[in-house]
PDBML (XML) file of the C-alpha atoms, coordinates in Angstrom:
<?xml version="1.0" encoding="UTF-8" ?>
<PDBx:datablock datablockName="MODEL"
   xmlns:PDBx="http://pdbml.pdb.org/schema/pdbx-v50.xsd"
   xmlns:xsi="http://www.w3.org/2001/XMLSchema-instance"
   xsi:schemaLocation="http://pdbml.pdb.org/schema/pdbx-v50.xsd pdbx-v50.xsd">
   <PDBx:atom_siteCategory>
      <PDBx:atom_site id="1">
         <PDBx:B_iso_or_equiv>0.00</PDBx:B_iso_or_equiv>
         <PDBx:Cartn_x>128.981</PDBx:Cartn_x>
         <PDBx:Cartn_y>43.292</PDBx:Cartn_y>
         <PDBx:Cartn_z>272.855</PDBx:Cartn_z>
         <PDBx:auth_asym_id>A</PDBx:auth_asym_id>
         <PDBx:auth_atom_id>CA</PDBx:auth_atom_id>
         <PDBx:auth_comp_id>UNK</PDBx:auth_comp_id>
         <PDBx:auth_seq_id>1</PDBx:auth_seq_id>
         <PDBx:group_PDB>ATOM</PDBx:group_PDB>
         <PDBx:label_alt_id xsi:nil="true" />
         <PDBx:label_asym_id>A</PDBx:label_asym_id>
         <PDBx:label_atom_id>CA</PDBx:label_atom_id>
         <PDBx:label_comp_id>UNK</PDBx:label_comp_id>
         <PDBx:label_entity_id>1</PDBx:label_entity_id>
         <PDBx:label_seq_id>1</PDBx:label_seq_id>
         <PDBx:occupancy>1.00</PDBx:occupancy>
         <PDBx:pdbx_PDB_model_num>1</PDBx:pdbx_PDB_model_num>
         <PDBx:type_symbol>C</PDBx:type_symbol>
      </PDBx:atom_site>
      <PDBx:atom_site id="2">
         <PDBx:B_iso_or_equiv>0.00</PDBx:B_iso_or_equiv>
         <PDBx:Cartn_x>126.221</PDBx:Cartn_x>
         <PDBx:Cartn_y>40.930</PDBx:Cartn_y>
         <PDBx:Cartn_z>274.886</PDBx:Cartn_z>
         <PDBx:auth_asym_id>A</PDBx:auth_asym_id>
         <PDBx:auth_atom_id>CA</PDBx:auth_atom_id>
         <PDBx:auth_comp_id>UNK</PDBx:auth_comp_id>
         <PDBx:auth_seq_id>2</PDBx:auth_seq_id>
         <PDBx:group_PDB>ATOM</PDBx:group_PDB>
         <PDBx:label_alt_id xsi:nil="true" />
         <PDBx:label_asym_id>A</PDBx:label_asym_id>
         <PDBx:label_atom_id>CA</PDBx:label_atom_id>
         <PDBx:label_comp_id>UNK</PDBx:label_comp_id>
         <PDBx:label_entity_id>1</PDBx:label_entity_id>
         <PDBx:label_seq_id>2</PDBx:label_seq_id>
         <PDBx:occupancy>1.00</PDBx:occupancy>
         <PDBx:pdbx_PDB_model_num>1</PDBx:pdbx_PDB_model_num>
         <PDBx:type_symbol>C</PDBx:type_symbol>
      </PDBx:atom_site>
      <PDBx:atom_site id="3">
         <PDBx:B_iso_or_equiv>0.00</PDBx:B_iso_or_equiv>
         <PDBx:Cartn_x>126.149</PDBx:Cartn_x>
         <PDBx:Cartn_y>43.931</PDBx:Cartn_y>
         <PDBx:Cartn_z>277.326</PDBx:Cartn_z>
         <PDBx:auth_asym_id>A</PDBx:auth_asym_id>
         <PDBx:auth_atom_id>CA</PDBx:auth_atom_id>
         <PDBx:auth_comp_id>UNK</PDBx:auth_comp_id>
         <PDBx:auth_seq_id>3</PDBx:auth_seq_id>
         <PDBx:group_PDB>ATOM</PDBx:group_PDB>
         <PDBx:label_alt_id xsi:nil="true" />
         <PDBx:label_asym_id>A</PDBx:label_asym_id>
         <PDBx:label_atom_id>CA</PDBx:label_atom_id>
         <PDBx:label_comp_id>UNK</PDBx:label_comp_id>
         <PDBx:label_entity_id>1</PDBx:label_entity_id>
         <PDBx:label_seq_id>3</PDBx:label_seq_id>
         <PDBx:occupancy>1.00</PDBx:occupancy>
         <PDBx:pdbx_PDB_model_num>1</PDBx:pdbx_PDB_model_num>
         <PDBx:type_symbol>C</PDBx:type_symbol>
      </PDBx:atom_site>
      <PDBx:atom_site id="4">
         <PDBx:B_iso_or_equiv>0.00</PDBx:B_iso_or_equiv>
         <PDBx:Cartn_x>125.310</PDBx:Cartn_x>
         <PDBx:Cartn_y>46.502</PDBx:Cartn_y>
         <PDBx:Cartn_z>275.268</PDBx:Cartn_z>
         <PDBx:auth_asym_id>A</PDBx:auth_asym_id>
         <PDBx:auth_atom_id>CA</PDBx:auth_atom_id>
         <PDBx:auth_comp_id>UNK</PDBx:auth_comp_id>
         <PDBx:auth_seq_id>4</PDBx:auth_seq_id>
         <PDBx:group_PDB>ATOM</PDBx:group_PDB>
         <PDBx:label_alt_id xsi:nil="true" />
         <PDBx:label_asym_id>A</PDBx:label_asym_id>
         <PDBx:label_atom_id>CA</PDBx:label_atom_id>
         <PDBx:label_comp_id>UNK</PDBx:label_comp_id>
         <PDBx:label_entity_id>1</PDBx:label_entity_id>
         <PDBx:label_seq_id>4</PDBx:label_seq_id>
         <PDBx:occupancy>1.00</PDBx:occupancy>
         <PDBx:pdbx_PDB_model_num>1</PDBx:pdbx_PDB_model_num>
         <PDBx:type_symbol>C</PDBx:type_symbol>
      </PDBx:atom_site>
      <PDBx:atom_site id="5">
         <PDBx:B_iso_or_equiv>0.00</PDBx:B_iso_or_equiv>
         <PDBx:Cartn_x>123.099</PDBx:Cartn_x>
         <PDBx:Cartn_y>44.743</PDBx:Cartn_y>
         <PDBx:Cartn_z>272.415</PDBx:Cartn_z>
         <PDBx:auth_asym_id>A</PDBx:auth_asym_id>
         <PDBx:auth_atom_id>CA</PDBx:auth_atom_id>
         <PDBx:auth_comp_id>UNK</PDBx:auth_comp_id>
         <PDBx:auth_seq_id>5</PDBx:auth_seq_id>
         <PDBx:group_PDB>ATOM</PDBx:group_PDB>
         <PDBx:label_alt_id xsi:nil="true" />
         <PDBx:label_asym_id>A</PDBx:label_asym_id>
         <PDBx:label_atom_id>CA</PDBx:label_atom_id>
         <PDBx:label_comp_id>UNK</PDBx:label_comp_id>
         <PDBx:label_entity_id>1</PDBx:label_entity_id>
         <PDBx:label_seq_id>5</PDBx:label_seq_id>
         <PDBx:occupancy>1.00</PDBx:occupancy>
         <PDBx:pdbx_PDB_model_num>1</PDBx:pdbx_PDB_model_num>
         <PDBx:type_symbol>C</PDBx:type_symbol>
      </PDBx:atom_site>
      <PDBx:atom_site id="6">
         <PDBx:B_iso_or_equiv>0.00</PDBx:B_iso_or_equiv>
         <PDBx:Cartn_x>119.418</PDBx:Cartn_x>
         <PDBx:Cartn_y>44.964</PDBx:Cartn_y>
         <PDBx:Cartn_z>272.821</PDBx:Cartn_z>
         <PDBx:auth_asym_id>A</PDBx:auth_asym_id>
         <PDBx:auth_atom_id>CA</PDBx:auth_atom_id>
         <PDBx:auth_comp_id>UNK</PDBx:auth_comp_id>
         <PDBx:auth_seq_id>6</PDBx:auth_seq_id>
         <PDBx:group_PDB>ATOM</PDBx:group_PDB>
         <PDBx:label_alt_id xsi:nil="true" />
         <PDBx:label_asym_id>A</PDBx:label_asym_id>
         <PDBx:label_atom_id>CA</PDBx:label_atom_id>
         <PDBx:label_comp_id>UNK</PDBx:label_comp_id>
         <PDBx:label_entity_id>1</PDBx:label_entity_id>
         <PDBx:label_seq_id>6</PDBx:label_seq_id>
         <PDBx:occupancy>1.00</PDBx:occupancy>
         <PDBx:pdbx_PDB_model_num>1</PDBx:pdbx_PDB_model_num>
         <PDBx:type_symbol>C</PDBx:type_symbol>
      </PDBx:atom_site>
      <PDBx:atom_site id="7">
         <PDBx:B_iso_or_equiv>0.00</PDBx:B_iso_or_equiv>
         <PDBx:Cartn_x>117.799</PDBx:Cartn_x>
         <PDBx:Cartn_y>41.253</PDBx:Cartn_y>
         <PDBx:Cartn_z>272.269</PDBx:Cartn_z>
         <PDBx:auth_asym_id>A</PDBx:auth_asym_id>
         <PDBx:auth_atom_id>CA</PDBx:auth_atom_id>
         <PDBx:auth_comp_id>UNK</PDBx:auth_comp_id>
         <PDBx:auth_seq_id>7</PDBx:auth_seq_id>
         <PDBx:group_PDB>ATOM</PDBx:group_PDB>
         <PDBx:label_alt_id xsi:nil="true" />
         <PDBx:label_asym_id>A</PDBx:label_asym_id>
         <PDBx:label_atom_id>CA</PDBx:label_atom_id>
         <PDBx:label_comp_id>UNK</PDBx:label_comp_id>
         <PDBx:label_entity_id>1</PDBx:label_entity_id>
         <PDBx:label_seq_id>7</PDBx:label_seq_id>
         <PDBx:occupancy>1.00</PDBx:occupancy>
         <PDBx:pdbx_PDB_model_num>1</PDBx:pdbx_PDB_model_num>
         <PDBx:type_symbol>C</PDBx:type_symbol>
      </PDBx:atom_site>
      <PDBx:atom_site id="8">
         <PDBx:B_iso_or_equiv>0.00</PDBx:B_iso_or_equiv>
         <PDBx:Cartn_x>116.733</PDBx:Cartn_x>
         <PDBx:Cartn_y>40.663</PDBx:Cartn_y>
         <PDBx:Cartn_z>268.739</PDBx:Cartn_z>
         <PDBx:auth_asym_id>A</PDBx:auth_asym_id>
         <PDBx:auth_atom_id>CA</PDBx:auth_atom_id>
         <PDBx:auth_comp_id>UNK</PDBx:auth_comp_id>
         <PDBx:auth_seq_id>8</PDBx:auth_seq_id>
         <PDBx:group_PDB>ATOM</PDBx:group_PDB>
         <PDBx:label_alt_id xsi:nil="true" />
         <PDBx:label_asym_id>A</PDBx:label_asym_id>
         <PDBx:label_atom_id>CA</PDBx:label_atom_id>
         <PDBx:label_comp_id>UNK</PDBx:label_comp_id>
         <PDBx:label_entity_id>1</PDBx:label_entity_id>
         <PDBx:label_seq_id>8</PDBx:label_seq_id>
         <PDBx:occupancy>1.00</PDBx:occupancy>
         <PDBx:pdbx_PDB_model_num>1</PDBx:pdbx_PDB_model_num>
         <PDBx:type_symbol>C</PDBx:type_symbol>
      </PDBx:atom_site>
      <PDBx:atom_site id="9">
         <PDBx:B_iso_or_equiv>0.00</PDBx:B_iso_or_equiv>
         <PDBx:Cartn_x>120.590</PDBx:Cartn_x>
         <PDBx:Cartn_y>41.677</PDBx:Cartn_y>
         <PDBx:Cartn_z>267.792</PDBx:Cartn_z>
         <PDBx:auth_asym_id>A</PDBx:auth_asym_id>
         <PDBx:auth_atom_id>CA</PDBx:auth_atom_id>
         <PDBx:auth_comp_id>UNK</PDBx:auth_comp_id>
         <PDBx:auth_seq_id>9</PDBx:auth_seq_id>
         <PDBx:group_PDB>ATOM</PDBx:group_PDB>
         <PDBx:label_alt_id xsi:nil="true" />
         <PDBx:label_asym_id>A</PDBx:label_asym_id>
         <PDBx:label_atom_id>CA</PDBx:label_atom_id>
         <PDBx:label_comp_id>UNK</PDBx:label_comp_id>
         <PDBx:label_entity_id>1</PDBx:label_entity_id>
         <PDBx:label_seq_id>9</PDBx:label_seq_id>
         <PDBx:occupancy>1.00</PDBx:occupancy>
         <PDBx:pdbx_PDB_model_num>1</PDBx:pdbx_PDB_model_num>
         <PDBx:type_symbol>C</PDBx:type_symbol>
      </PDBx:atom_site>
      <PDBx:atom_site id="10">
         <PDBx:B_iso_or_equiv>0.00</PDBx:B_iso_or_equiv>
         <PDBx:Cartn_x>123.326</PDBx:Cartn_x>
         <PDBx:Cartn_y>40.427</PDBx:Cartn_y>
         <PDBx:Cartn_z>266.121</PDBx:Cartn_z>
         <PDBx:auth_asym_id>A</PDBx:auth_asym_id>
         <PDBx:auth_atom_id>CA</PDBx:auth_atom_id>
         <PDBx:auth_comp_id>UNK</PDBx:auth_comp_id>
         <PDBx:auth_seq_id>10</PDBx:auth_seq_id>
         <PDBx:group_PDB>ATOM</PDBx:group_PDB>
         <PDBx:label_alt_id xsi:nil="true" />
         <PDBx:label_asym_id>A</PDBx:label_asym_id>
         <PDBx:label_atom_id>CA</PDBx:label_atom_id>
         <PDBx:label_comp_id>UNK</PDBx:label_comp_id>
         <PDBx:label_entity_id>1</PDBx:label_entity_id>
         <PDBx:label_seq_id>10</PDBx:label_seq_id>
         <PDBx:occupancy>1.00</PDBx:occupancy>
         <PDBx:pdbx_PDB_model_num>1</PDBx:pdbx_PDB_model_num>
         <PDBx:type_symbol>C</PDBx:type_symbol>
      </PDBx:atom_site>
      <PDBx:atom_site id="11">
         <PDBx:B_iso_or_equiv>0.00</PDBx:B_iso_or_equiv>
         <PDBx:Cartn_x>127.044</PDBx:Cartn_x>
         <PDBx:Cartn_y>40.077</PDBx:Cartn_y>
         <PDBx:Cartn_z>267.242</PDBx:Cartn_z>
         <PDBx:auth_asym_id>A</PDBx:auth_asym_id>
         <PDBx:auth_atom_id>CA</PDBx:auth_atom_id>
         <PDBx:auth_comp_id>UNK</PDBx:auth_comp_id>
         <PDBx:auth_seq_id>11</PDBx:auth_seq_id>
         <PDBx:group_PDB>ATOM</PDBx:group_PDB>
         <PDBx:label_alt_id xsi:nil="true" />
         <PDBx:label_asym_id>A</PDBx:label_asym_id>
         <PDBx:label_atom_id>CA</PDBx:label_atom_id>
         <PDBx:label_comp_id>UNK</PDBx:label_comp_id>
         <PDBx:label_entity_id>1</PDBx:label_entity_id>
         <PDBx:label_seq_id>11</PDBx:label_seq_id>
         <PDBx:occupancy>1.00</PDBx:occupancy>
         <PDBx:pdbx_PDB_model_num>1</PDBx:pdbx_PDB_model_num>
         <PDBx:type_symbol>C</PDBx:type_symbol>
      </PDBx:atom_site>
      <PDBx:atom_site id="12">
         <PDBx:B_iso_or_equiv>0.00</PDBx:B_iso_or_equiv>
         <PDBx:Cartn_x>129.543</PDBx:Cartn_x>
         <PDBx:Cartn_y>39.058</PDBx:Cartn_y>
         <PDBx:Cartn_z>264.418</PDBx:Cartn_z>
         <PDBx:auth_asym_id>A</PDBx:auth_asym_id>
         <PDBx:auth_atom_id>CA</PDBx:auth_atom_id>
         <PDBx:auth_comp_id>UNK</PDBx:auth_comp_id>
         <PDBx:auth_seq_id>12</PDBx:auth_seq_id>
         <PDBx:group_PDB>ATOM</PDBx:group_PDB>
         <PDBx:label_alt_id xsi:nil="true" />
         <PDBx:label_asym_id>A</PDBx:label_asym_id>
         <PDBx:label_atom_id>CA</PDBx:label_atom_id>
         <PDBx:label_comp_id>UNK</PDBx:label_comp_id>
         <PDBx:label_entity_id>1</PDBx:label_entity_id>
         <PDBx:label_seq_id>12</PDBx:label_seq_id>
         <PDBx:occupancy>1.00</PDBx:occupancy>
         <PDBx:pdbx_PDB_model_num>1</PDBx:pdbx_PDB_model_num>
         <PDBx:type_symbol>C</PDBx:type_symbol>
      </PDBx:atom_site>
      <PDBx:atom_site id="13">
         <PDBx:B_iso_or_equiv>0.00</PDBx:B_iso_or_equiv>
         <PDBx:Cartn_x>132.835</PDBx:Cartn_x>
         <PDBx:Cartn_y>37.931</PDBx:Cartn_y>
         <PDBx:Cartn_z>265.099</PDBx:Cartn_z>
         <PDBx:auth_asym_id>A</PDBx:auth_asym_id>
         <PDBx:auth_atom_id>CA</PDBx:auth_atom_id>
         <PDBx:auth_comp_id>UNK</PDBx:auth_comp_id>
         <PDBx:auth_seq_id>13</PDBx:auth_seq_id>
         <PDBx:group_PDB>ATOM</PDBx:group_PDB>
         <PDBx:label_alt_id xsi:nil="true" />
         <PDBx:label_asym_id>A</PDBx:label_asym_id>
         <PDBx:label_atom_id>CA</PDBx:label_atom_id>
         <PDBx:label_comp_id>UNK</PDBx:label_comp_id>
         <PDBx:label_entity_id>1</PDBx:label_entity_id>
         <PDBx:label_seq_id>13</PDBx:label_seq_id>
         <PDBx:occupancy>1.00</PDBx:occupancy>
         <PDBx:pdbx_PDB_model_num>1</PDBx:pdbx_PDB_model_num>
         <PDBx:type_symbol>C</PDBx:type_symbol>
      </PDBx:atom_site>
      <PDBx:atom_site id="14">
         <PDBx:B_iso_or_equiv>0.00</PDBx:B_iso_or_equiv>
         <PDBx:Cartn_x>135.371</PDBx:Cartn_x>
         <PDBx:Cartn_y>38.369</PDBx:Cartn_y>
         <PDBx:Cartn_z>262.008</PDBx:Cartn_z>
         <PDBx:auth_asym_id>A</PDBx:auth_asym_id>
         <PDBx:auth_atom_id>CA</PDBx:auth_atom_id>
         <PDBx:auth_comp_id>UNK</PDBx:auth_comp_id>
         <PDBx:auth_seq_id>14</PDBx:auth_seq_id>
         <PDBx:group_PDB>ATOM</PDBx:group_PDB>
         <PDBx:label_alt_id xsi:nil="true" />
         <PDBx:label_asym_id>A</PDBx:label_asym_id>
         <PDBx:label_atom_id>CA</PDBx:label_atom_id>
         <PDBx:label_comp_id>UNK</PDBx:label_comp_id>
         <PDBx:label_entity_id>1</PDBx:label_entity_id>
         <PDBx:label_seq_id>14</PDBx:label_seq_id>
         <PDBx:occupancy>1.00</PDBx:occupancy>
         <PDBx:pdbx_PDB_model_num>1</PDBx:pdbx_PDB_model_num>
         <PDBx:type_symbol>C</PDBx:type_symbol>
      </PDBx:atom_site>
      <PDBx:atom_site id="15">
         <PDBx:B_iso_or_equiv>0.00</PDBx:B_iso_or_equiv>
         <PDBx:Cartn_x>139.075</PDBx:Cartn_x>
         <PDBx:Cartn_y>36.476</PDBx:Cartn_y>
         <PDBx:Cartn_z>261.287</PDBx:Cartn_z>
         <PDBx:auth_asym_id>A</PDBx:auth_asym_id>
         <PDBx:auth_atom_id>CA</PDBx:auth_atom_id>
         <PDBx:auth_comp_id>UNK</PDBx:auth_comp_id>
         <PDBx:auth_seq_id>15</PDBx:auth_seq_id>
         <PDBx:group_PDB>ATOM</PDBx:group_PDB>
         <PDBx:label_alt_id xsi:nil="true" />
         <PDBx:label_asym_id>A</PDBx:label_asym_id>
         <PDBx:label_atom_id>CA</PDBx:label_atom_id>
         <PDBx:label_comp_id>UNK</PDBx:label_comp_id>
         <PDBx:label_entity_id>1</PDBx:label_entity_id>
         <PDBx:label_seq_id>15</PDBx:label_seq_id>
         <PDBx:occupancy>1.00</PDBx:occupancy>
         <PDBx:pdbx_PDB_model_num>1</PDBx:pdbx_PDB_model_num>
         <PDBx:type_symbol>C</PDBx:type_symbol>
      </PDBx:atom_site>
      <PDBx:atom_site id="16">
         <PDBx:B_iso_or_equiv>0.00</PDBx:B_iso_or_equiv>
         <PDBx:Cartn_x>141.365</PDBx:Cartn_x>
         <PDBx:Cartn_y>38.064</PDBx:Cartn_y>
         <PDBx:Cartn_z>258.833</PDBx:Cartn_z>
         <PDBx:auth_asym_id>A</PDBx:auth_asym_id>
         <PDBx:auth_atom_id>CA</PDBx:auth_atom_id>
         <PDBx:auth_comp_id>UNK</PDBx:auth_comp_id>
         <PDBx:auth_seq_id>16</PDBx:auth_seq_id>
         <PDBx:group_PDB>ATOM</PDBx:group_PDB>
         <PDBx:label_alt_id xsi:nil="true" />
         <PDBx:label_asym_id>A</PDBx:label_asym_id>
         <PDBx:label_atom_id>CA</PDBx:label_atom_id>
         <PDBx:label_comp_id>UNK</PDBx:label_comp_id>
         <PDBx:label_entity_id>1</PDBx:label_entity_id>
         <PDBx:label_seq_id>16</PDBx:label_seq_id>
         <PDBx:occupancy>1.00</PDBx:occupancy>
         <PDBx:pdbx_PDB_model_num>1</PDBx:pdbx_PDB_model_num>
         <PDBx:type_symbol>C</PDBx:type_symbol>
      </PDBx:atom_site>
      <PDBx:atom_site id="17">
         <PDBx:B_iso_or_equiv>0.00</PDBx:B_iso_or_equiv>
         <PDBx:Cartn_x>144.659</PDBx:Cartn_x>
         <PDBx:Cartn_y>38.808</PDBx:Cartn_y>
         <PDBx:Cartn_z>257.921</PDBx:Cartn_z>
         <PDBx:auth_asym_id>A</PDBx:auth_asym_id>
         <PDBx:auth_atom_id>CA</PDBx:auth_atom_id>
         <PDBx:auth_comp_id>UNK</PDBx:auth_comp_id>
         <PDBx:auth_seq_id>17</PDBx:auth_seq_id>
         <PDBx:group_PDB>ATOM</PDBx:group_PDB>
         <PDBx:label_alt_id xsi:nil="true" />
         <PDBx:label_asym_id>A</PDBx:label_asym_id>
         <PDBx:label_atom_id>CA</PDBx:label_atom_id>
         <PDBx:label_comp_id>UNK</PDBx:label_comp_id>
         <PDBx:label_entity_id>1</PDBx:label_entity_id>
         <PDBx:label_seq_id>17</PDBx:label_seq_id>
         <PDBx:occupancy>1.00</PDBx:occupancy>
         <PDBx:pdbx_PDB_model_num>1</PDBx:pdbx_PDB_model_num>
         <PDBx:type_symbol>C</PDBx:type_symbol>
      </PDBx:atom_site>
      <PDBx:atom_site id="18">
         <PDBx:B_iso_or_equiv>0.00</PDBx:B_iso_or_equiv>
         <PDBx:Cartn_x>145.934</PDBx:Cartn_x>
         <PDBx:Cartn_y>42.568</PDBx:Cartn_y>
         <PDBx:Cartn_z>257.257</PDBx:Cartn_z>
         <PDBx:auth_asym_id>A</PDBx:auth_asym_id>
         <PDBx:auth_atom_id>CA</PDBx:auth_atom_id>
         <PDBx:auth_comp_id>UNK</PDBx:auth_comp_id>
         <PDBx:auth_seq_id>18</PDBx:auth_seq_id>
         <PDBx:group_PDB>ATOM</PDBx:group_PDB>
         <PDBx:label_alt_id xsi:nil="true" />
         <PDBx:label_asym_id>A</PDBx:label_asym_id>
         <PDBx:label_atom_id>CA</PDBx:label_atom_id>
         <PDBx:label_comp_id>UNK</PDBx:label_comp_id>
         <PDBx:label_entity_id>1</PDBx:label_entity_id>
         <PDBx:label_seq_id>18</PDBx:label_seq_id>
         <PDBx:occupancy>1.00</PDBx:occupancy>
         <PDBx:pdbx_PDB_model_num>1</PDBx:pdbx_PDB_model_num>
         <PDBx:type_symbol>C</PDBx:type_symbol>
      </PDBx:atom_site>
      <PDBx:atom_site id="19">
         <PDBx:B_iso_or_equiv>0.00</PDBx:B_iso_or_equiv>
         <PDBx:Cartn_x>149.617</PDBx:Cartn_x>
         <PDBx:Cartn_y>42.440</PDBx:Cartn_y>
         <PDBx:Cartn_z>256.297</PDBx:Cartn_z>
         <PDBx:auth_asym_id>A</PDBx:auth_asym_id>
         <PDBx:auth_atom_id>CA</PDBx:auth_atom_id>
         <PDBx:auth_comp_id>UNK</PDBx:auth_comp_id>
         <PDBx:auth_seq_id>19</PDBx:auth_seq_id>
         <PDBx:group_PDB>ATOM</PDBx:group_PDB>
         <PDBx:label_alt_id xsi:nil="true" />
         <PDBx:label_asym_id>A</PDBx:label_asym_id>
         <PDBx:label_atom_id>CA</PDBx:label_atom_id>
         <PDBx:label_comp_id>UNK</PDBx:label_comp_id>
         <PDBx:label_entity_id>1</PDBx:label_entity_id>
         <PDBx:label_seq_id>19</PDBx:label_seq_id>
         <PDBx:occupancy>1.00</PDBx:occupancy>
         <PDBx:pdbx_PDB_model_num>1</PDBx:pdbx_PDB_model_num>
         <PDBx:type_symbol>C</PDBx:type_symbol>
      </PDBx:atom_site>
      <PDBx:atom_site id="20">
         <PDBx:B_iso_or_equiv>0.00</PDBx:B_iso_or_equiv>
         <PDBx:Cartn_x>151.527</PDBx:Cartn_x>
         <PDBx:Cartn_y>40.409</PDBx:Cartn_y>
         <PDBx:Cartn_z>258.538</PDBx:Cartn_z>
         <PDBx:auth_asym_id>A</PDBx:auth_asym_id>
         <PDBx:auth_atom_id>CA</PDBx:auth_atom_id>
         <PDBx:auth_comp_id>UNK</PDBx:auth_comp_id>
         <PDBx:auth_seq_id>20</PDBx:auth_seq_id>
         <PDBx:group_PDB>ATOM</PDBx:group_PDB>
         <PDBx:label_alt_id xsi:nil="true" />
         <PDBx:label_asym_id>A</PDBx:label_asym_id>
         <PDBx:label_atom_id>CA</PDBx:label_atom_id>
         <PDBx:label_comp_id>UNK</PDBx:label_comp_id>
         <PDBx:label_entity_id>1</PDBx:label_entity_id>
         <PDBx:label_seq_id>20</PDBx:label_seq_id>
         <PDBx:occupancy>1.00</PDBx:occupancy>
         <PDBx:pdbx_PDB_model_num>1</PDBx:pdbx_PDB_model_num>
         <PDBx:type_symbol>C</PDBx:type_symbol>
      </PDBx:atom_site>
      <PDBx:atom_site id="21">
         <PDBx:B_iso_or_equiv>0.00</PDBx:B_iso_or_equiv>
         <PDBx:Cartn_x>148.924</PDBx:Cartn_x>
         <PDBx:Cartn_y>41.103</PDBx:Cartn_y>
         <PDBx:Cartn_z>261.541</PDBx:Cartn_z>
         <PDBx:auth_asym_id>A</PDBx:auth_asym_id>
         <PDBx:auth_atom_id>CA</PDBx:auth_atom_id>
         <PDBx:auth_comp_id>UNK</PDBx:auth_comp_id>
         <PDBx:auth_seq_id>21</PDBx:auth_seq_id>
         <PDBx:group_PDB>ATOM</PDBx:group_PDB>
         <PDBx:label_alt_id xsi:nil="true" />
         <PDBx:label_asym_id>A</PDBx:label_asym_id>
         <PDBx:label_atom_id>CA</PDBx:label_atom_id>
         <PDBx:label_comp_id>UNK</PDBx:label_comp_id>
         <PDBx:label_entity_id>1</PDBx:label_entity_id>
         <PDBx:label_seq_id>21</PDBx:label_seq_id>
         <PDBx:occupancy>1.00</PDBx:occupancy>
         <PDBx:pdbx_PDB_model_num>1</PDBx:pdbx_PDB_model_num>
         <PDBx:type_symbol>C</PDBx:type_symbol>
      </PDBx:atom_site>
      <PDBx:atom_site id="22">
         <PDBx:B_iso_or_equiv>0.00</PDBx:B_iso_or_equiv>
         <PDBx:Cartn_x>145.947</PDBx:Cartn_x>
         <PDBx:Cartn_y>38.515</PDBx:Cartn_y>
         <PDBx:Cartn_z>262.545</PDBx:Cartn_z>
         <PDBx:auth_asym_id>A</PDBx:auth_asym_id>
         <PDBx:auth_atom_id>CA</PDBx:auth_atom_id>
         <PDBx:auth_comp_id>UNK</PDBx:auth_comp_id>
         <PDBx:auth_seq_id>22</PDBx:auth_seq_id>
         <PDBx:group_PDB>ATOM</PDBx:group_PDB>
         <PDBx:label_alt_id xsi:nil="true" />
         <PDBx:label_asym_id>A</PDBx:label_asym_id>
         <PDBx:label_atom_id>CA</PDBx:label_atom_id>
         <PDBx:label_comp_id>UNK</PDBx:label_comp_id>
         <PDBx:label_entity_id>1</PDBx:label_entity_id>
         <PDBx:label_seq_id>22</PDBx:label_seq_id>
         <PDBx:occupancy>1.00</PDBx:occupancy>
         <PDBx:pdbx_PDB_model_num>1</PDBx:pdbx_PDB_model_num>
         <PDBx:type_symbol>C</PDBx:type_symbol>
      </PDBx:atom_site>
      <PDBx:atom_site id="23">
         <PDBx:B_iso_or_equiv>0.00</PDBx:B_iso_or_equiv>
         <PDBx:Cartn_x>142.751</PDBx:Cartn_x>
         <PDBx:Cartn_y>40.187</PDBx:Cartn_y>
         <PDBx:Cartn_z>263.109</PDBx:Cartn_z>
         <PDBx:auth_asym_id>A</PDBx:auth_asym_id>
         <PDBx:auth_atom_id>CA</PDBx:auth_atom_id>
         <PDBx:auth_comp_id>UNK</PDBx:auth_comp_id>
         <PDBx:auth_seq_id>23</PDBx:auth_seq_id>
         <PDBx:group_PDB>ATOM</PDBx:group_PDB>
         <PDBx:label_alt_id xsi:nil="true" />
         <PDBx:label_asym_id>A</PDBx:label_asym_id>
         <PDBx:label_atom_id>CA</PDBx:label_atom_id>
         <PDBx:label_comp_id>UNK</PDBx:label_comp_id>
         <PDBx:label_entity_id>1</PDBx:label_entity_id>
         <PDBx:label_seq_id>23</PDBx:label_seq_id>
         <PDBx:occupancy>1.00</PDBx:occupancy>
         <PDBx:pdbx_PDB_model_num>1</PDBx:pdbx_PDB_model_num>
         <PDBx:type_symbol>C</PDBx:type_symbol>
      </PDBx:atom_site>
      <PDBx:atom_site id="24">
         <PDBx:B_iso_or_equiv>0.00</PDBx:B_iso_or_equiv>
         <PDBx:Cartn_x>139.878</PDBx:Cartn_x>
         <PDBx:Cartn_y>39.379</PDBx:Cartn_y>
         <PDBx:Cartn_z>265.096</PDBx:Cartn_z>
         <PDBx:auth_asym_id>A</PDBx:auth_asym_id>
         <PDBx:auth_atom_id>CA</PDBx:auth_atom_id>
         <PDBx:auth_comp_id>UNK</PDBx:auth_comp_id>
         <PDBx:auth_seq_id>24</PDBx:auth_seq_id>
         <PDBx:group_PDB>ATOM</PDBx:group_PDB>
         <PDBx:label_alt_id xsi:nil="true" />
         <PDBx:label_asym_id>A</PDBx:label_asym_id>
         <PDBx:label_atom_id>CA</PDBx:label_atom_id>
         <PDBx:label_comp_id>UNK</PDBx:label_comp_id>
         <PDBx:label_entity_id>1</PDBx:label_entity_id>
         <PDBx:label_seq_id>24</PDBx:label_seq_id>
         <PDBx:occupancy>1.00</PDBx:occupancy>
         <PDBx:pdbx_PDB_model_num>1</PDBx:pdbx_PDB_model_num>
         <PDBx:type_symbol>C</PDBx:type_symbol>
      </PDBx:atom_site>
      <PDBx:atom_site id="25">
         <PDBx:B_iso_or_equiv>0.00</PDBx:B_iso_or_equiv>
         <PDBx:Cartn_x>136.896</PDBx:Cartn_x>
         <PDBx:Cartn_y>41.762</PDBx:Cartn_y>
         <PDBx:Cartn_z>264.588</PDBx:Cartn_z>
         <PDBx:auth_asym_id>A</PDBx:auth_asym_id>
         <PDBx:auth_atom_id>CA</PDBx:auth_atom_id>
         <PDBx:auth_comp_id>UNK</PDBx:auth_comp_id>
         <PDBx:auth_seq_id>25</PDBx:auth_seq_id>
         <PDBx:group_PDB>ATOM</PDBx:group_PDB>
         <PDBx:label_alt_id xsi:nil="true" />
         <PDBx:label_asym_id>A</PDBx:label_asym_id>
         <PDBx:label_atom_id>CA</PDBx:label_atom_id>
         <PDBx:label_comp_id>UNK</PDBx:label_comp_id>
         <PDBx:label_entity_id>1</PDBx:label_entity_id>
         <PDBx:label_seq_id>25</PDBx:label_seq_id>
         <PDBx:occupancy>1.00</PDBx:occupancy>
         <PDBx:pdbx_PDB_model_num>1</PDBx:pdbx_PDB_model_num>
         <PDBx:type_symbol>C</PDBx:type_symbol>
      </PDBx:atom_site>
   </PDBx:atom_siteCategory>
</PDBx:datablock>
């Protein structure tokens, strides 16, 4: 994400549950 994002951009990391799965986005 860092490599392909231009200066001034944002990277958002989200944690959540989806059913019986843990998710990182």
